């Protein structure tokens, strides 16, 4: 059999507790557009959105970010 390297198998499967920890961190540091829109529509006072798109992207009117990082206050 040929020597086959796999980026998928290189580190093995994580333990369930490790997976839970990674997912909790993901939820802590990133949000999605749905959660953001719900909070903005509700007028949540602690939400600040900084639009860092280029002028061209702003003019296009399409927001293409996959996630928005949250910053601790």
Protein backbone atom coordinates (compact mmCIF):
# COMPACT_ATOMS: atom_id res chain seq x y z
CA UNK A 1 0.00 0.00 0.00
CA UNK A 2 1.30 3.48 -0.82
CA UNK A 3 2.29 5.84 1.96
CA UNK A 4 -0.80 8.05 2.28
CA UNK A 5 -0.88 11.14 4.46
CA UNK A 6 -4.20 12.50 5.64
CA UNK A 7 -4.78 15.96 7.08
CA UNK A 8 -8.09 14.65 8.44
CA UNK A 9 -6.54 11.71 10.30
CA UNK A 10 -3.27 13.37 11.30
CA UNK A 11 -4.39 14.32 14.82
CA UNK A 12 -7.06 11.69 15.46
CA UNK A 13 -10.55 12.22 16.80
CA UNK A 14 -10.88 14.53 19.82
CA UNK A 15 -12.42 13.38 23.07
CA UNK A 16 -16.06 14.46 23.55
CA UNK A 17 -15.11 16.84 26.38
CA UNK A 18 -12.51 18.49 24.14
CA UNK A 19 -15.11 18.90 21.40
CA UNK A 20 -17.56 20.44 23.86
CA UNK A 21 -14.90 22.89 25.03
CA UNK A 22 -14.04 23.95 21.47
CA UNK A 23 -17.72 24.45 20.60
CA UNK A 24 -18.31 26.50 23.78
CA UNK A 25 -15.36 28.73 22.84
CA UNK A 26 -16.74 29.12 19.33
CA UNK A 27 -20.05 30.30 20.76
CA UNK A 28 -18.19 32.64 23.13
CA UNK A 29 -16.09 34.32 20.46
CA UNK A 30 -18.30 34.29 17.36
CA UNK A 31 -21.90 34.94 16.52
CA UNK A 32 -23.91 34.51 13.38
CA UNK A 33 -26.02 36.99 11.47
CA UNK A 34 -29.29 35.59 12.82
CA UNK A 35 -28.30 36.07 16.48
CA UNK A 36 -26.98 39.53 15.69
CA UNK A 37 -30.16 40.56 13.86
CA UNK A 38 -32.33 39.34 16.75
CA UNK A 39 -30.35 41.42 19.26
CA UNK A 40 -30.29 44.49 17.00
CA UNK A 41 -34.05 44.29 16.39
CA UNK A 42 -34.59 43.96 20.15
CA UNK A 43 -32.53 47.11 20.70
CA UNK A 44 -30.02 45.38 22.95
CA UNK A 45 -28.00 48.25 24.50
CA UNK A 46 -24.67 46.37 24.72
CA UNK A 47 -24.38 45.47 21.02
CA UNK A 48 -22.03 47.59 18.93
CA UNK A 49 -21.50 46.70 15.27
CA UNK A 50 -18.50 48.08 13.42
CA UNK A 51 -18.86 47.84 9.65
CA UNK A 52 -15.32 47.38 8.37
CA UNK A 53 -16.23 46.65 4.75
CA UNK A 54 -14.66 48.57 1.91
CA UNK A 55 -16.64 51.44 0.38
CA UNK A 56 -17.34 49.22 -2.61
CA UNK A 57 -18.69 46.38 -0.48
CA UNK A 58 -20.80 48.84 1.52
CA UNK A 59 -22.21 50.34 -1.69
CA UNK A 60 -22.99 46.82 -2.92
CA UNK A 61 -25.10 46.38 0.22
CA UNK A 62 -24.22 42.75 0.71
CA UNK A 63 -22.66 41.63 3.96
CA UNK A 64 -20.56 38.57 3.19
CA UNK A 65 -18.87 37.90 6.53
CA UNK A 66 -19.28 34.37 7.83
CA UNK A 67 -19.07 35.40 11.46
CA UNK A 68 -18.64 38.48 13.58
CA UNK A 69 -16.10 38.37 16.39
CA UNK A 70 -17.29 39.43 19.79
CA UNK A 71 -15.00 41.57 21.91
CA UNK A 72 -15.02 41.47 25.68
CA UNK A 73 -15.95 44.64 27.49
